[in-house]
């Protein structure tokens, strides 16, 4: 793994962490107005918009606007899979597993944090090779 690949992965983690903070933080605001389940969806949109901008321009350093519509579609597709993972994990933990274990302390916060963290590695691979460059980007990273 070359230095640029290491930089990309760690900047992906940092930018993804910032987007995750936007996701979780906005969920607090959304829960003032809608249910926990609906707030997860709203927060995911906030996190996804933040992540797209950071991943495109900071992580993968794609400055061209020519492919932005295609990248946007791919980004949404990858993130729909991540949303499904986040939603299922968050709801299952907060509503079923944690109460079954007797754990009620901040169960929604912890469940949502775990749910947001799970798709990190699958999303990294998908965005690196599918969303922001495919074979062309992969060849640049190896060379």
Protein backbone atom coordinates (compact mmCIF):
# COMPACT_ATOMS: atom_id res chain seq x y z
CA UNK A 1 0.00 0.00 0.00
CA UNK A 2 1.57 3.28 -1.08
CA UNK A 3 1.52 6.58 0.82
CA UNK A 4 -1.28 8.02 -1.28
CA UNK A 5 -3.50 5.00 -0.60
CA UNK A 6 -2.86 5.41 3.14
CA UNK A 7 -3.67 9.13 2.90
CA UNK A 8 -6.89 8.37 1.06
CA UNK A 9 -8.01 5.78 3.59
CA UNK A 10 -7.29 7.94 6.65
CA UNK A 11 -8.80 11.05 5.10
CA UNK A 12 -11.85 8.89 4.26
CA UNK A 13 -12.09 7.92 7.91
CA UNK A 14 -11.72 11.52 9.12
CA UNK A 15 -14.16 12.96 6.60
CA UNK A 16 -16.53 10.07 7.17
CA UNK A 17 -16.28 10.74 10.89
CA UNK A 18 -17.19 14.39 10.32
CA UNK A 19 -20.14 13.36 8.15
CA UNK A 20 -21.18 10.84 10.82
CA UNK A 21 -21.10 13.61 13.44
CA UNK A 22 -23.35 15.69 11.19
CA UNK A 23 -25.60 12.65 10.83
CA UNK A 24 -25.88 11.92 14.54
CA UNK A 25 -26.02 15.59 15.54
CA UNK A 26 -28.83 16.35 13.13
CA UNK A 27 -30.75 13.33 14.44
CA UNK A 28 -31.02 15.11 17.79
CA UNK A 29 -32.63 18.07 16.05
CA UNK A 30 -34.94 15.90 13.94
CA UNK A 31 -36.15 13.97 17.00
CA UNK A 32 -37.55 17.23 18.36
CA UNK A 33 -40.07 17.13 15.49
CA UNK A 34 -40.44 13.53 14.27
CA UNK A 35 -40.10 9.96 15.57
CA UNK A 36 -36.75 8.28 16.19
CA UNK A 37 -37.24 6.06 13.14
CA UNK A 38 -37.97 9.02 10.82
CA UNK A 39 -35.16 11.05 12.34
CA UNK A 40 -32.67 8.37 11.24
CA UNK A 41 -33.68 8.95 7.62
CA UNK A 42 -33.46 12.74 7.84
CA UNK A 43 -30.11 12.57 9.59
CA UNK A 44 -28.81 10.15 6.98
CA UNK A 45 -29.57 12.67 4.23
CA UNK A 46 -27.64 15.38 6.09
CA UNK A 47 -24.69 13.02 6.63
CA UNK A 48 -24.78 11.81 3.03
CA UNK A 49 -24.72 15.33 1.57
CA UNK A 50 -21.80 16.24 3.82
CA UNK A 51 -19.96 13.04 2.92
CA UNK A 52 -20.41 13.51 -0.83
CA UNK A 53 -18.77 16.92 -0.83
CA UNK A 54 -15.94 15.84 1.50
CA UNK A 55 -15.26 12.54 -0.27
CA UNK A 56 -15.33 14.03 -3.76
CA UNK A 57 -13.14 17.05 -3.11
CA UNK A 58 -11.04 16.18 -0.05
CA UNK A 59 -10.60 12.40 -0.02
CA UNK A 60 -10.56 11.35 -3.67
CA UNK A 61 -9.67 14.84 -4.94
CA UNK A 62 -12.01 14.69 -7.90
CA UNK A 63 -12.35 18.28 -9.04
CA UNK A 64 -14.14 17.72 -12.33
CA UNK A 65 -17.80 18.63 -12.38
CA UNK A 66 -18.33 16.70 -15.62
CA UNK A 67 -18.98 13.38 -13.87
CA UNK A 68 -20.72 14.87 -10.81
CA UNK A 69 -24.24 13.74 -11.84
CA UNK A 70 -23.07 10.15 -12.41
CA UNK A 71 -21.04 10.23 -9.19
CA UNK A 72 -24.05 11.58 -7.36
CA UNK A 73 -26.21 8.68 -8.55
CA UNK A 74 -23.55 6.11 -7.64
CA UNK A 75 -23.01 7.81 -4.29
CA UNK A 76 -26.72 7.61 -3.50
CA UNK A 77 -26.86 3.92 -4.52
CA UNK A 78 -23.93 3.02 -2.28
CA UNK A 79 -25.43 5.03 0.55
CA UNK A 80 -28.86 3.46 0.17
CA UNK A 81 -27.22 0.15 1.01
CA UNK A 82 -25.50 1.83 3.96
CA UNK A 83 -28.80 3.41 5.01
CA UNK A 84 -30.44 0.00 5.06
CA UNK A 85 -27.61 -1.33 7.24
CA UNK A 86 -27.77 1.72 9.53
CA UNK A 87 -31.54 1.58 9.89
CA UNK A 88 -31.80 -2.15 10.57
CA UNK A 89 -28.93 -2.14 13.07
CA UNK A 90 -30.13 1.03 14.87
CA UNK A 91 -33.72 -0.16 15.23
CA UNK A 92 -32.83 -3.74 16.16
CA UNK A 93 -30.37 -2.63 18.83
CA UNK A 94 -32.47 0.20 20.31
CA UNK A 95 -35.87 -1.46 20.19
CA UNK A 96 -35.10 -5.14 20.71
CA UNK A 97 -31.57 -6.20 21.65
CA UNK A 98 -30.70 -3.52 24.21
CA UNK A 99 -34.05 -3.78 26.05
CA UNK A 100 -33.80 -7.58 26.00
CA UNK A 101 -30.37 -7.27 27.66
CA UNK A 102 -31.74 -4.74 30.15
CA UNK A 103 -29.61 -1.91 28.70
CA UNK A 104 -31.70 1.25 28.52
CA UNK A 105 -29.04 3.93 29.24
CA UNK A 106 -28.70 6.08 26.06
CA UNK A 107 -29.82 3.10 24.03
CA UNK A 108 -30.95 5.20 21.04
CA UNK A 109 -27.71 7.18 20.92
CA UNK A 110 -25.51 4.11 21.20
CA UNK A 111 -27.61 2.10 18.76
CA UNK A 112 -27.51 4.88 16.18
CA UNK A 113 -23.75 5.36 16.63
CA UNK A 114 -23.16 1.66 16.02
CA UNK A 115 -25.54 1.71 13.07
CA UNK A 116 -23.68 4.62 11.48
CA UNK A 117 -20.26 2.99 12.03
CA UNK A 118 -21.03 -0.41 10.52
CA UNK A 119 -20.94 0.46 6.78
CA UNK A 120 -17.56 2.26 6.91
CA UNK A 121 -15.45 -0.36 5.12
CA UNK A 122 -17.98 -1.44 2.50
CA UNK A 123 -18.65 2.20 1.70
CA UNK A 124 -14.93 2.96 1.37
CA UNK A 125 -14.38 0.21 -1.18
CA UNK A 126 -17.55 1.09 -3.11
CA UNK A 127 -16.76 4.82 -3.25
CA UNK A 128 -13.11 4.31 -4.15
CA UNK A 129 -13.71 1.90 -7.01
CA UNK A 130 -17.30 2.59 -8.04
CA UNK A 131 -18.39 6.14 -7.22
CA UNK A 132 -15.26 8.24 -7.71
CA UNK A 133 -13.22 6.74 -10.49
CA UNK A 134 -13.57 3.01 -11.00
CA UNK A 135 -10.69 1.41 -12.87
CA UNK A 136 -9.08 4.75 -13.73
CA UNK A 137 -8.88 5.76 -10.07
CA UNK A 138 -7.67 2.32 -9.01
CA UNK A 139 -4.85 2.45 -11.58
CA UNK A 140 -3.79 5.88 -10.28
CA UNK A 141 -3.67 4.54 -6.72
CA UNK A 142 -1.49 1.58 -7.68
CA UNK A 143 0.89 3.54 -9.87
